PDB file of all heavy atoms in Angstrom:
ATOM      1  N   VAL A   1     -21.199  23.598  11.035  1.00  0.00           N
ATOM      2  CA  VAL A   1     -20.192  22.988  10.155  1.00  0.00           C
ATOM      3  C   VAL A   1     -20.502  21.516   9.919  1.00  0.00           C
ATOM      4  O   VAL A   1     -20.346  21.014   8.758  1.00  0.00           O
ATOM      5  CB  VAL A   1     -18.795  23.088  10.786  1.00  0.00           C
ATOM      6  CG1 VAL A   1     -17.749  22.358   9.942  1.00  0.00           C
ATOM      7  CG2 VAL A   1     -18.397  24.528  10.923  1.00  0.00           C
ATOM      8  N   ILE A   2     -21.017  20.773  10.896  1.00  0.00           N
ATOM      9  CA  ILE A   2     -21.414  19.401  10.739  1.00  0.00           C
ATOM     10  C   ILE A   2     -22.528  19.226   9.709  1.00  0.00           C
ATOM     11  O   ILE A   2     -22.495  18.382   8.832  1.00  0.00           O
ATOM     12  CB  ILE A   2     -21.811  18.730  12.068  1.00  0.00           C
ATOM     13  CG1 ILE A   2     -20.584  18.687  13.015  1.00  0.00           C
ATOM     14  CG2 ILE A   2     -22.377  17.379  11.878  1.00  0.00           C
ATOM     15  CD1 ILE A   2     -19.474  17.750  12.566  1.00  0.00           C
ATOM     16  N   ILE A   3     -23.530  20.118   9.821  1.00  0.00           N
ATOM     17  CA  ILE A   3     -24.624  20.106   8.866  1.00  0.00           C
ATOM     18  C   ILE A   3     -24.134  20.320   7.482  1.00  0.00           C
ATOM     19  O   ILE A   3     -24.463  19.553   6.536  1.00  0.00           O
ATOM     20  CB  ILE A   3     -25.683  21.205   9.213  1.00  0.00           C
ATOM     21  CG1 ILE A   3     -26.344  20.904  10.603  1.00  0.00           C
ATOM     22  CG2 ILE A   3     -26.763  21.254   8.110  1.00  0.00           C
ATOM     23  CD1 ILE A   3     -27.110  22.104  11.126  1.00  0.00           C
ATOM     24  N   TYR A   4     -23.318  21.343   7.283  1.00  0.00           N
ATOM     25  CA  TYR A   4     -22.742  21.653   5.956  1.00  0.00           C
ATOM     26  C   TYR A   4     -21.982  20.472   5.450  1.00  0.00           C
ATOM     27  O   TYR A   4     -22.062  20.103   4.256  1.00  0.00           O
ATOM     28  CB  TYR A   4     -21.899  22.910   6.063  1.00  0.00           C
ATOM     29  CG  TYR A   4     -21.283  23.303   4.751  1.00  0.00           C
ATOM     30  CD1 TYR A   4     -22.064  23.752   3.691  1.00  0.00           C
ATOM     31  CD2 TYR A   4     -19.896  23.269   4.564  1.00  0.00           C
ATOM     32  CE1 TYR A   4     -21.489  24.114   2.490  1.00  0.00           C
ATOM     33  CE2 TYR A   4     -19.309  23.628   3.347  1.00  0.00           C
ATOM     34  CZ  TYR A   4     -20.149  24.088   2.307  1.00  0.00           C
ATOM     35  OH  TYR A   4     -19.548  24.438   1.117  1.00  0.00           O
ATOM     36  N   THR A   5     -21.119  19.893   6.230  1.00  0.00           N
ATOM     37  CA  THR A   5     -20.282  18.798   5.824  1.00  0.00           C
ATOM     38  C   THR A   5     -21.077  17.602   5.397  1.00  0.00           C
ATOM     39  O   THR A   5     -20.796  16.915   4.408  1.00  0.00           O
ATOM     40  CB  THR A   5     -19.250  18.381   6.972  1.00  0.00           C
ATOM     41  OG1 THR A   5     -18.535  19.557   7.377  1.00  0.00           O
ATOM     42  CG2 THR A   5     -18.285  17.350   6.467  1.00  0.00           C
ATOM     43  N   LEU A   6     -22.108  17.288   6.195  1.00  0.00           N
ATOM     44  CA  LEU A   6     -22.973  16.128   5.898  1.00  0.00           C
ATOM     45  C   LEU A   6     -23.634  16.284   4.530  1.00  0.00           C
ATOM     46  O   LEU A   6     -23.637  15.413   3.683  1.00  0.00           O
ATOM     47  CB  LEU A   6     -24.014  15.958   6.999  1.00  0.00           C
ATOM     48  CG  LEU A   6     -24.797  14.652   7.029  1.00  0.00           C
ATOM     49  CD1 LEU A   6     -25.284  14.349   8.479  1.00  0.00           C
ATOM     50  CD2 LEU A   6     -26.028  14.705   6.119  1.00  0.00           C
ATOM     51  N   TRP A   7     -24.175  17.505   4.301  1.00  0.00           N
ATOM     52  CA  TRP A   7     -24.845  17.761   2.999  1.00  0.00           C
ATOM     53  C   TRP A   7     -23.840  17.778   1.844  1.00  0.00           C
ATOM     54  O   TRP A   7     -24.068  17.199   0.768  1.00  0.00           O
ATOM     55  CB  TRP A   7     -25.615  19.110   3.063  1.00  0.00           C
ATOM     56  CG  TRP A   7     -26.954  19.032   3.693  1.00  0.00           C
ATOM     57  CD1 TRP A   7     -27.248  18.836   5.027  1.00  0.00           C
ATOM     58  CD2 TRP A   7     -28.222  19.149   3.027  1.00  0.00           C
ATOM     59  NE1 TRP A   7     -28.618  18.798   5.214  1.00  0.00           N
ATOM     60  CE2 TRP A   7     -29.212  19.017   3.985  1.00  0.00           C
ATOM     61  CE3 TRP A   7     -28.597  19.373   1.708  1.00  0.00           C
ATOM     62  CZ2 TRP A   7     -30.577  19.067   3.723  1.00  0.00           C
ATOM     63  CZ3 TRP A   7     -29.937  19.437   1.421  1.00  0.00           C
ATOM     64  CH2 TRP A   7     -30.920  19.310   2.409  1.00  0.00           C
ATOM     65  N   LEU A   8     -22.723  18.423   2.073  1.00  0.00           N
ATOM     66  CA  LEU A   8     -21.724  18.522   1.003  1.00  0.00           C
ATOM     67  C   LEU A   8     -21.138  17.154   0.646  1.00  0.00           C
ATOM     68  O   LEU A   8     -20.964  16.854  -0.545  1.00  0.00           O
ATOM     69  CB  LEU A   8     -20.584  19.462   1.434  1.00  0.00           C
ATOM     70  CG  LEU A   8     -19.514  19.756   0.383  1.00  0.00           C
ATOM     71  CD1 LEU A   8     -20.070  20.488  -0.797  1.00  0.00           C
ATOM     72  CD2 LEU A   8     -18.346  20.578   1.014  1.00  0.00           C
ATOM     73  N   ALA A   9     -20.849  16.319   1.667  1.00  0.00           N
ATOM     74  CA  ALA A   9     -20.340  15.021   1.404  1.00  0.00           C
ATOM     75  C   ALA A   9     -21.336  14.152   0.660  1.00  0.00           C
ATOM     76  O   ALA A   9     -20.936  13.352  -0.242  1.00  0.00           O
ATOM     77  CB  ALA A   9     -19.948  14.325   2.748  1.00  0.00           C
ATOM     78  N   MET A  10     -22.642  14.309   0.902  1.00  0.00           N
ATOM     79  CA  MET A  10     -23.635  13.587   0.176  1.00  0.00           C
ATOM     80  C   MET A  10     -23.614  13.949  -1.260  1.00  0.00           C
ATOM     81  O   MET A  10     -23.665  13.075  -2.149  1.00  0.00           O
ATOM     82  CB  MET A  10     -25.017  13.852   0.764  1.00  0.00           C
ATOM     83  CG  MET A  10     -26.130  13.026   0.177  1.00  0.00           C
ATOM     84  SD  MET A  10     -26.078  11.318   0.791  1.00  0.00           S
ATOM     85  CE  MET A  10     -26.647  11.562   2.460  1.00  0.00           C
ATOM     86  N   LEU A  11     -23.556  15.226  -1.580  1.00  0.00           N
ATOM     87  CA  LEU A  11     -23.521  15.725  -2.969  1.00  0.00           C
ATOM     88  C   LEU A  11     -22.250  15.237  -3.691  1.00  0.00           C
ATOM     89  O   LEU A  11     -22.274  14.854  -4.864  1.00  0.00           O
ATOM     90  CB  LEU A  11     -23.668  17.212  -3.041  1.00  0.00           C
ATOM     91  CG  LEU A  11     -24.986  17.768  -2.496  1.00  0.00           C
ATOM     92  CD1 LEU A  11     -24.917  19.275  -2.389  1.00  0.00           C
ATOM     93  CD2 LEU A  11     -26.135  17.361  -3.423  1.00  0.00           C
ATOM     94  N   LEU A  12     -21.128  15.296  -2.950  1.00  0.00           N
ATOM     95  CA  LEU A  12     -19.862  14.893  -3.534  1.00  0.00           C
ATOM     96  C   LEU A  12     -19.929  13.399  -3.895  1.00  0.00           C
ATOM     97  O   LEU A  12     -19.470  12.967  -4.956  1.00  0.00           O
ATOM     98  CB  LEU A  12     -18.715  15.131  -2.557  1.00  0.00           C
ATOM     99  CG  LEU A  12     -17.325  14.736  -3.020  1.00  0.00           C
ATOM    100  CD1 LEU A  12     -16.882  15.476  -4.225  1.00  0.00           C
ATOM    101  CD2 LEU A  12     -16.324  14.973  -1.841  1.00  0.00           C
ATOM    102  N   SER A  13     -20.535  12.583  -3.022  1.00  0.00           N
ATOM    103  CA  SER A  13     -20.703  11.170  -3.301  1.00  0.00           C
ATOM    104  C   SER A  13     -21.580  10.969  -4.537  1.00  0.00           C
ATOM    105  O   SER A  13     -21.407   9.959  -5.256  1.00  0.00           O
ATOM    106  CB  SER A  13     -21.339  10.420  -2.115  1.00  0.00           C
ATOM    107  OG  SER A  13     -20.477  10.484  -0.986  1.00  0.00           O
ATOM    108  N   GLY A  14     -22.532  11.857  -4.775  1.00  0.00           N
ATOM    109  CA  GLY A  14     -23.337  11.780  -5.987  1.00  0.00           C
ATOM    110  C   GLY A  14     -22.544  11.871  -7.245  1.00  0.00           C
ATOM    111  O   GLY A  14     -22.814  11.162  -8.256  1.00  0.00           O
ATOM    112  N   ILE A  15     -21.558  12.730  -7.238  1.00  0.00           N
ATOM    113  CA  ILE A  15     -20.668  12.924  -8.430  1.00  0.00           C
ATOM    114  C   ILE A  15     -19.727  11.708  -8.531  1.00  0.00           C
ATOM    115  O   ILE A  15     -19.603  11.136  -9.605  1.00  0.00           O
ATOM    116  CB  ILE A  15     -19.869  14.257  -8.302  1.00  0.00           C
ATOM    117  CG1 ILE A  15     -20.796  15.440  -8.461  1.00  0.00           C
ATOM    118  CG2 ILE A  15     -18.780  14.266  -9.388  1.00  0.00           C
ATOM    119  CD1 ILE A  15     -20.139  16.792  -8.279  1.00  0.00           C
ATOM    120  N   GLU A  16     -19.106  11.337  -7.400  1.00  0.00           N
ATOM    121  CA  GLU A  16     -18.137  10.253  -7.459  1.00  0.00           C
ATOM    122  C   GLU A  16     -18.803   8.959  -7.796  1.00  0.00           C
ATOM    123  O   GLU A  16     -18.187   8.032  -8.356  1.00  0.00           O
ATOM    124  CB  GLU A  16     -17.428  10.179  -6.091  1.00  0.00           C
ATOM    125  CG  GLU A  16     -16.498  11.330  -5.873  1.00  0.00           C
ATOM    126  CD  GLU A  16     -15.829  11.286  -4.488  1.00  0.00           C
ATOM    127  OE1 GLU A  16     -16.429  10.672  -3.569  1.00  0.00           O
ATOM    128  OE2 GLU A  16     -14.736  11.859  -4.327  1.00  0.00           O
ATOM    129  N   GLY A  17     -20.093   8.833  -7.475  1.00  0.00           N
ATOM    130  CA  GLY A  17     -20.863   7.617  -7.804  1.00  0.00           C
ATOM    131  C   GLY A  17     -20.979   7.350  -9.274  1.00  0.00           C
ATOM    132  O   GLY A  17     -21.291   6.220  -9.657  1.00  0.00           O
ATOM    133  N   LEU A  18     -20.702   8.329 -10.129  1.00  0.00           N
ATOM    134  CA  LEU A  18     -20.752   8.123 -11.576  1.00  0.00           C
ATOM    135  C   LEU A  18     -19.818   7.007 -12.037  1.00  0.00           C
ATOM    136  O   LEU A  18     -19.933   6.444 -13.090  1.00  0.00           O
ATOM    137  CB  LEU A  18     -20.434   9.422 -12.327  1.00  0.00           C
ATOM    138  CG  LEU A  18     -21.583  10.454 -12.327  1.00  0.00           C
ATOM    139  CD1 LEU A  18     -21.050  11.784 -12.825  1.00  0.00           C
ATOM    140  CD2 LEU A  18     -22.695   9.961 -13.243  1.00  0.00           C
ATOM    141  N   GLN A  19     -18.739   6.729 -11.232  1.00  0.00           N
ATOM    142  CA  GLN A  19     -17.852   5.616 -11.513  1.00  0.00           C
ATOM    143  C   GLN A  19     -18.635   4.333 -11.592  1.00  0.00           C
ATOM    144  O   GLN A  19     -18.190   3.338 -12.253  1.00  0.00           O
ATOM    145  CB  GLN A  19     -16.782   5.500 -10.399  1.00  0.00           C
ATOM    146  CG  GLN A  19     -15.891   6.718 -10.288  1.00  0.00           C
ATOM    147  CD  GLN A  19     -14.996   6.554  -9.072  1.00  0.00           C
ATOM    148  OE1 GLN A  19     -14.464   5.498  -8.772  1.00  0.00           O
ATOM    149  NE2 GLN A  19     -14.752   7.681  -8.354  1.00  0.00           N
ATOM    150  N   MET A  20     -19.761   4.226 -10.904  1.00  0.00           N
ATOM    151  CA  MET A  20     -20.523   3.001 -10.804  1.00  0.00           C
ATOM    152  C   MET A  20     -21.732   3.008 -11.721  1.00  0.00           C
ATOM    153  O   MET A  20     -22.723   2.271 -11.489  1.00  0.00           O
ATOM    154  CB  MET A  20     -20.856   2.741  -9.376  1.00  0.00           C
ATOM    155  CG  MET A  20     -19.627   2.582  -8.545  1.00  0.00           C
ATOM    156  SD  MET A  20     -19.883   2.254  -6.812  1.00  0.00           S
ATOM    157  CE  MET A  20     -18.256   2.604  -6.158  1.00  0.00           C
ATOM    158  N   TYR A  21     -21.699   3.865 -12.733  1.00  0.00           N
ATOM    159  CA  TYR A  21     -22.757   3.848 -13.775  1.00  0.00           C
ATOM    160  C   TYR A  21     -22.168   3.292 -15.054  1.00  0.00           C
ATOM    161  O   TYR A  21     -21.039   3.663 -15.419  1.00  0.00           O
ATOM    162  CB  TYR A  21     -23.232   5.279 -13.989  1.00  0.00           C
ATOM    163  CG  TYR A  21     -24.274   5.392 -15.141  1.00  0.00           C
ATOM    164  CD1 TYR A  21     -25.580   5.015 -14.964  1.00  0.00           C
ATOM    165  CD2 TYR A  21     -23.844   5.868 -16.366  1.00  0.00           C
ATOM    166  CE1 TYR A  21     -26.499   5.083 -15.990  1.00  0.00           C
ATOM    167  CE2 TYR A  21     -24.787   5.936 -17.418  1.00  0.00           C
ATOM    168  CZ  TYR A  21     -26.077   5.588 -17.223  1.00  0.00           C
ATOM    169  OH  TYR A  21     -27.013   5.640 -18.243  1.00  0.00           O
ATOM    170  N   ASN A  22     -22.915   2.432 -15.725  1.00  0.00           N
ATOM    171  CA  ASN A  22     -22.442   1.860 -16.958  1.00  0.00           C
ATOM    172  C   ASN A  22     -23.180   2.518 -18.153  1.00  0.00           C
ATOM    173  O   ASN A  22     -24.394   2.237 -18.329  1.00  0.00           O
ATOM    174  CB  ASN A  22     -22.628   0.306 -16.990  1.00  0.00           C
ATOM    175  CG  ASN A  22     -22.015  -0.327 -18.216  1.00  0.00           C
ATOM    176  OD1 ASN A  22     -22.561  -0.242 -19.283  1.00  0.00           O
ATOM    177  ND2 ASN A  22     -20.866  -0.937 -18.048  1.00  0.00           N
ATOM    178  N   PRO A  23     -22.485   3.304 -18.927  1.00  0.00           N
ATOM    179  CA  PRO A  23     -23.195   4.018 -20.046  1.00  0.00           C
ATOM    180  C   PRO A  23     -23.735   3.037 -21.080  1.00  0.00           C
ATOM    181  O   PRO A  23     -24.770   3.324 -21.701  1.00  0.00           O
ATOM    182  CB  PRO A  23     -22.111   4.897 -20.637  1.00  0.00           C
ATOM    183  CG  PRO A  23     -20.971   4.901 -19.650  1.00  0.00           C
ATOM    184  CD  PRO A  23     -21.056   3.653 -18.905  1.00  0.00           C
ATOM    185  N   LYS A  24     -23.039   1.918 -21.300  1.00  0.00           N
ATOM    186  CA  LYS A  24     -23.455   1.025 -22.383  1.00  0.00           C
ATOM    187  C   LYS A  24     -24.808   0.353 -22.086  1.00  0.00           C
ATOM    188  O   LYS A  24     -25.672   0.285 -22.970  1.00  0.00           O
ATOM    189  CB  LYS A  24     -22.381  -0.049 -22.582  1.00  0.00           C
ATOM    190  CG  LYS A  24     -22.684  -1.005 -23.755  1.00  0.00           C
ATOM    191  CD  LYS A  24     -21.437  -1.708 -24.224  1.00  0.00           C
ATOM    192  CE  LYS A  24     -20.473  -0.798 -24.923  1.00  0.00           C
ATOM    193  NZ  LYS A  24     -19.376  -1.507 -25.554  1.00  0.00           N
ATOM    194  N   THR A  25     -25.002  -0.034 -20.830  1.00  0.00           N
ATOM    195  CA  THR A  25     -26.263  -0.665 -20.466  1.00  0.00           C
ATOM    196  C   THR A  25     -27.241   0.336 -19.829  1.00  0.00           C
ATOM    197  O   THR A  25     -28.368   0.017 -19.497  1.00  0.00           O
ATOM    198  CB  THR A  25     -26.023  -1.813 -19.482  1.00  0.00           C
ATOM    199  OG1 THR A  25     -25.362  -1.306 -18.289  1.00  0.00           O
ATOM    200  CG2 THR A  25     -25.140  -2.891 -20.078  1.00  0.00           C
ATOM    201  N   GLN A  26     -26.747   1.581 -19.627  1.00  0.00           N
ATOM    202  CA  GLN A  26     -27.537   2.625 -18.983  1.00  0.00           C
ATOM    203  C   GLN A  26     -28.073   2.110 -17.643  1.00  0.00           C
ATOM    204  O   GLN A  26     -29.248   2.277 -17.325  1.00  0.00           O
ATOM    205  CB  GLN A  26     -28.675   3.112 -19.876  1.00  0.00           C
ATOM    206  CG  GLN A  26     -28.212   3.716 -21.199  1.00  0.00           C
ATOM    207  CD  GLN A  26     -29.336   4.219 -22.047  1.00  0.00           C
ATOM    208  OE1 GLN A  26     -30.454   4.331 -21.615  1.00  0.00           O
ATOM    209  NE2 GLN A  26     -29.045   4.507 -23.324  1.00  0.00           N
ATOM    210  N   SER A  27     -27.171   1.533 -16.886  1.00  0.00           N
ATOM    211  CA  SER A  27     -27.573   0.999 -15.583  1.00  0.00           C
ATOM    212  C   SER A  27     -26.603   1.315 -14.482  1.00  0.00           C
ATOM    213  O   SER A  27     -25.412   1.568 -14.755  1.00  0.00           O
ATOM    214  CB  SER A  27     -27.670  -0.565 -15.697  1.00  0.00           C
ATOM    215  OG  SER A  27     -26.415  -1.108 -16.025  1.00  0.00           O
ATOM    216  N   TRP A  28     -27.094   1.330 -13.275  1.00  0.00           N
ATOM    217  CA  TRP A  28     -26.246   1.589 -12.076  1.00  0.00           C
ATOM    218  C   TRP A  28     -25.786   0.245 -11.527  1.00  0.00           C
ATOM    219  O   TRP A  28     -26.587  -0.692 -11.438  1.00  0.00           O
ATOM    220  CB  TRP A  28     -27.053   2.406 -11.058  1.00  0.00           C
ATOM    221  CG  TRP A  28     -27.206   3.828 -11.437  1.00  0.00           C
ATOM    222  CD1 TRP A  28     -28.182   4.390 -12.173  1.00  0.00           C
ATOM    223  CD2 TRP A  28     -26.290   4.880 -11.159  1.00  0.00           C
ATOM    224  NE1 TRP A  28     -27.977   5.719 -12.360  1.00  0.00           N
ATOM    225  CE2 TRP A  28     -26.795   6.082 -11.734  1.00  0.00           C
ATOM    226  CE3 TRP A  28     -25.082   4.941 -10.460  1.00  0.00           C
ATOM    227  CZ2 TRP A  28     -26.127   7.299 -11.635  1.00  0.00           C
ATOM    228  CZ3 TRP A  28     -24.409   6.161 -10.338  1.00  0.00           C
ATOM    229  CH2 TRP A  28     -24.950   7.345 -10.979  1.00  0.00           C
ATOM    230  N   LEU A  29     -24.542   0.237 -11.080  1.00  0.00           N
ATOM    231  CA  LEU A  29     -23.961  -0.995 -10.567  1.00  0.00           C
ATOM    232  C   LEU A  29     -23.878  -1.034  -9.040  1.00  0.00           C
ATOM    233  O   LEU A  29     -23.402  -2.051  -8.505  1.00  0.00           O
ATOM    234  CB  LEU A  29     -22.541  -1.173 -11.157  1.00  0.00           C
ATOM    235  CG  LEU A  29     -22.486  -1.119 -12.697  1.00  0.00           C
ATOM    236  CD1 LEU A  29     -21.015  -1.176 -13.160  1.00  0.00           C
ATOM    237  CD2 LEU A  29     -23.269  -2.311 -13.322  1.00  0.00           C
ATOM    238  N   GLN A  30     -24.396   0.008  -8.365  1.00  0.00           N
ATOM    239  CA  GLN A  30     -24.278   0.003  -6.920  1.00  0.00           C
ATOM    240  C   GLN A  30     -25.387   0.854  -6.345  1.00  0.00           C
ATOM    241  O   GLN A  30     -25.647   1.985  -6.787  1.00  0.00           O
ATOM    242  CB  GLN A  30     -22.912   0.567  -6.460  1.00  0.00           C
ATOM    243  CG  GLN A  30     -22.366  -0.006  -5.166  1.00  0.00           C
ATOM    244  CD  GLN A  30     -23.130   0.501  -3.952  1.00  0.00           C
ATOM    245  OE1 GLN A  30     -23.497   1.676  -3.925  1.00  0.00           O
ATOM    246  NE2 GLN A  30     -23.291  -0.317  -2.949  1.00  0.00           N
ATOM    247  N   ALA A  31     -26.100   0.291  -5.393  1.00  0.00           N
ATOM    248  CA  ALA A  31     -27.331   0.887  -4.864  1.00  0.00           C
ATOM    249  C   ALA A  31     -27.089   2.242  -4.216  1.00  0.00           C
ATOM    250  O   ALA A  31     -27.822   3.215  -4.443  1.00  0.00           O
ATOM    251  CB  ALA A  31     -27.987  -0.035  -3.871  1.00  0.00           C
ATOM    252  N   HIS A  32     -26.104   2.332  -3.327  1.00  0.00           N
ATOM    253  CA  HIS A  32     -25.804   3.588  -2.619  1.00  0.00           C
ATOM    254  C   HIS A  32     -25.355   4.698  -3.575  1.00  0.00           C
ATOM    255  O   HIS A  32     -25.733   5.858  -3.400  1.00  0.00           O
ATOM    256  CB  HIS A  32     -24.750   3.420  -1.529  1.00  0.00           C
ATOM    257  CG  HIS A  32     -25.150   2.443  -0.472  1.00  0.00           C
ATOM    258  ND1 HIS A  32     -25.069   1.075  -0.658  1.00  0.00           N
ATOM    259  CD2 HIS A  32     -25.647   2.629   0.758  1.00  0.00           C
ATOM    260  CE1 HIS A  32     -25.463   0.472   0.415  1.00  0.00           C
ATOM    261  NE2 HIS A  32     -25.853   1.352   1.287  1.00  0.00           N
ATOM    262  N   ALA A  33     -24.509   4.334  -4.559  1.00  0.00           N
ATOM    263  CA  ALA A  33     -24.017   5.331  -5.563  1.00  0.00           C
ATOM    264  C   ALA A  33     -25.190   5.906  -6.331  1.00  0.00           C
ATOM    265  O   ALA A  33     -25.306   7.131  -6.551  1.00  0.00           O
ATOM    266  CB  ALA A  33     -23.009   4.674  -6.473  1.00  0.00           C
ATOM    267  N   GLN A  34     -26.117   5.066  -6.777  1.00  0.00           N
ATOM    268  CA  GLN A  34     -27.292   5.567  -7.461  1.00  0.00           C
ATOM    269  C   GLN A  34     -28.140   6.445  -6.580  1.00  0.00           C
ATOM    270  O   GLN A  34     -28.652   7.486  -7.013  1.00  0.00           O
ATOM    271  CB  GLN A  34     -28.160   4.341  -7.976  1.00  0.00           C
ATOM    272  CG  GLN A  34     -29.358   4.744  -8.740  1.00  0.00           C
ATOM    273  CD  GLN A  34     -30.228   3.563  -9.170  1.00  0.00           C
ATOM    274  OE1 GLN A  34     -29.885   2.421  -8.859  1.00  0.00           O
ATOM    275  NE2 GLN A  34     -31.280   3.812  -9.905  1.00  0.00           N
ATOM    276  N   ALA A  35     -28.339   6.047  -5.339  1.00  0.00           N
ATOM    277  CA  ALA A  35     -29.132   6.790  -4.417  1.00  0.00           C
ATOM    278  C   ALA A  35     -28.590   8.235  -4.226  1.00  0.00           C
ATOM    279  O   ALA A  35     -29.356   9.211  -4.227  1.00  0.00           O
ATOM    280  CB  ALA A  35     -29.210   6.078  -3.055  1.00  0.00           C
ATOM    281  N   ARG A  36     -27.285   8.322  -4.104  1.00  0.00           N
ATOM    282  CA  ARG A  36     -26.696   9.645  -3.852  1.00  0.00           C
ATOM    283  C   ARG A  36     -26.730  10.516  -5.119  1.00  0.00           C
ATOM    284  O   ARG A  36     -26.803  11.753  -5.038  1.00  0.00           O
ATOM    285  CB  ARG A  36     -25.284   9.487  -3.273  1.00  0.00           C
ATOM    286  CG  ARG A  36     -25.286   8.863  -1.858  1.00  0.00           C
ATOM    287  CD  ARG A  36     -24.013   8.219  -1.472  1.00  0.00           C
ATOM    288  NE  ARG A  36     -24.153   7.529  -0.198  1.00  0.00           N
ATOM    289  CZ  ARG A  36     -23.323   6.619   0.284  1.00  0.00           C
ATOM    290  NH1 ARG A  36     -22.292   6.243  -0.468  1.00  0.00           N
ATOM    291  NH2 ARG A  36     -23.497   6.058   1.405  1.00  0.00           N
ATOM    292  N   TYR A  37     -26.601   9.860  -6.258  1.00  0.00           N
ATOM    293  CA  TYR A  37     -26.705  10.608  -7.530  1.00  0.00           C
ATOM    294  C   TYR A  37     -28.117  11.131  -7.656  1.00  0.00           C
ATOM    295  O   TYR A  37     -28.321  12.285  -8.076  1.00  0.00           O
ATOM    296  CB  TYR A  37     -26.354   9.663  -8.712  1.00  0.00           C
ATOM    297  CG  TYR A  37     -26.518  10.321 -10.038  1.00  0.00           C
ATOM    298  CD1 TYR A  37     -25.590  11.146 -10.607  1.00  0.00           C
ATOM    299  CD2 TYR A  37     -27.697  10.123 -10.795  1.00  0.00           C
ATOM    300  CE1 TYR A  37     -25.755  11.782 -11.846  1.00  0.00           C
ATOM    301  CE2 TYR A  37     -27.911  10.725 -12.012  1.00  0.00           C
ATOM    302  CZ  TYR A  37     -26.889  11.524 -12.583  1.00  0.00           C
ATOM    303  OH  TYR A  37     -27.107  12.151 -13.755  1.00  0.00           O
ATOM    304  N   VAL A  38     -29.145  10.356  -7.331  1.00  0.00           N
ATOM    305  CA  VAL A  38     -30.496  10.815  -7.354  1.00  0.00           C
ATOM    306  C   VAL A  38     -30.678  12.017  -6.508  1.00  0.00           C
ATOM    307  O   VAL A  38     -31.334  13.032  -6.886  1.00  0.00           O
ATOM    308  CB  VAL A  38     -31.489   9.655  -6.943  1.00  0.00           C
ATOM    309  CG1 VAL A  38     -32.853  10.194  -6.600  1.00  0.00           C
ATOM    310  CG2 VAL A  38     -31.550   8.607  -8.017  1.00  0.00           C
ATOM    311  N   ILE A  39     -30.143  12.012  -5.302  1.00  0.00           N
ATOM    312  CA  ILE A  39     -30.237  13.162  -4.352  1.00  0.00           C
ATOM    313  C   ILE A  39     -29.601  14.386  -4.973  1.00  0.00           C
ATOM    314  O   ILE A  39     -30.116  15.487  -4.867  1.00  0.00           O
ATOM    315  CB  ILE A  39     -29.636  12.810  -2.998  1.00  0.00           C
ATOM    316  CG1 ILE A  39     -30.515  11.753  -2.289  1.00  0.00           C
ATOM    317  CG2 ILE A  39     -29.440  14.034  -2.156  1.00  0.00           C
ATOM    318  CD1 ILE A  39     -29.888  11.149  -1.065  1.00  0.00           C
ATOM    319  N   LEU A  40     -28.424  14.206  -5.576  1.00  0.00           N
ATOM    320  CA  LEU A  40     -27.758  15.302  -6.276  1.00  0.00           C
ATOM    321  C   LEU A  40     -28.696  15.945  -7.315  1.00  0.00           C
ATOM    322  O   LEU A  40     -28.838  17.169  -7.427  1.00  0.00           O
ATOM    323  CB  LEU A  40     -26.458  14.822  -6.919  1.00  0.00           C
ATOM    324  CG  LEU A  40     -25.735  15.795  -7.796  1.00  0.00           C
ATOM    325  CD1 LEU A  40     -25.234  17.041  -7.034  1.00  0.00           C
ATOM    326  CD2 LEU A  40     -24.520  15.126  -8.504  1.00  0.00           C
ATOM    327  N   GLN A  41     -29.396  15.086  -8.129  1.00  0.00           N
ATOM    328  CA  GLN A  41     -30.268  15.595  -9.147  1.00  0.00           C
ATOM    329  C   GLN A  41     -31.471  16.356  -8.585  1.00  0.00           C
ATOM    330  O   GLN A  41     -31.856  17.402  -9.092  1.00  0.00           O
ATOM    331  CB  GLN A  41     -30.805  14.442 -10.034  1.00  0.00           C
ATOM    332  CG  GLN A  41     -29.697  13.652 -10.764  1.00  0.00           C
ATOM    333  CD  GLN A  41     -28.734  14.540 -11.496  1.00  0.00           C
ATOM    334  OE1 GLN A  41     -29.129  15.353 -12.356  1.00  0.00           O
ATOM    335  NE2 GLN A  41     -27.466  14.416 -11.172  1.00  0.00           N
ATOM    336  N   VAL A  42     -31.984  15.841  -7.478  1.00  0.00           N
ATOM    337  CA  VAL A  42     -33.120  16.516  -6.832  1.00  0.00           C
ATOM    338  C   VAL A  42     -32.722  17.915  -6.394  1.00  0.00           C
ATOM    339  O   VAL A  42     -33.459  18.897  -6.532  1.00  0.00           O
ATOM    340  CB  VAL A  42     -33.614  15.671  -5.606  1.00  0.00           C
ATOM    341  CG1 VAL A  42     -34.602  16.459  -4.768  1.00  0.00           C
ATOM    342  CG2 VAL A  42     -34.247  14.378  -6.115  1.00  0.00           C
ATOM    343  N   LEU A  43     -31.501  18.041  -5.819  1.00  0.00           N
ATOM    344  CA  LEU A  43     -31.068  19.358  -5.297  1.00  0.00           C
ATOM    345  C   LEU A  43     -30.607  20.282  -6.393  1.00  0.00           C
ATOM    346  O   LEU A  43     -30.691  21.512  -6.222  1.00  0.00           O
ATOM    347  CB  LEU A  43     -29.995  19.110  -4.264  1.00  0.00           C
ATOM    348  CG  LEU A  43     -30.485  18.394  -2.983  1.00  0.00           C
ATOM    349  CD1 LEU A  43     -29.375  18.101  -2.020  1.00  0.00           C
ATOM    350  CD2 LEU A  43     -31.571  19.259  -2.300  1.00  0.00           C
ATOM    351  N   LEU A  44     -30.104  19.757  -7.505  1.00  0.00           N
ATOM    352  CA  LEU A  44     -29.809  20.603  -8.645  1.00  0.00           C
ATOM    353  C   LEU A  44     -31.110  21.183  -9.268  1.00  0.00           C
ATOM    354  O   LEU A  44     -31.158  22.308  -9.683  1.00  0.00           O
ATOM    355  CB  LEU A  44     -29.013  19.825  -9.709  1.00  0.00           C
ATOM    356  CG  LEU A  44     -27.567  19.573  -9.450  1.00  0.00           C
ATOM    357  CD1 LEU A  44     -27.017  18.541 -10.474  1.00  0.00           C
ATOM    358  CD2 LEU A  44     -26.734  20.866  -9.520  1.00  0.00           C
ATOM    359  N   GLU A  45     -32.157  20.338  -9.247  1.00  0.00           N
ATOM    360  CA  GLU A  45     -33.427  20.699  -9.826  1.00  0.00           C
ATOM    361  C   GLU A  45     -34.139  21.819  -9.009  1.00  0.00           C
ATOM    362  O   GLU A  45     -34.894  22.611  -9.596  1.00  0.00           O
ATOM    363  CB  GLU A  45     -34.313  19.493  -9.861  1.00  0.00           C
ATOM    364  CG  GLU A  45     -35.654  19.671 -10.560  1.00  0.00           C
ATOM    365  CD  GLU A  45     -36.525  18.453 -10.524  1.00  0.00           C
ATOM    366  OE1 GLU A  45     -37.084  18.107  -9.420  1.00  0.00           O
ATOM    367  OE2 GLU A  45     -36.654  17.762 -11.555  1.00  0.00           O
TER     368      GLU A  45
END
């Protein structure tokens, strides 16, 4: 359960991290949020 929770929470943070993306400048405003979004993309791929 701990393994599953750790992985699931990481992916969830990847989605929630979109709050810290600026579409106008196409830039990320927070290092951890970008990192977790990248991980989400790797695992979707």
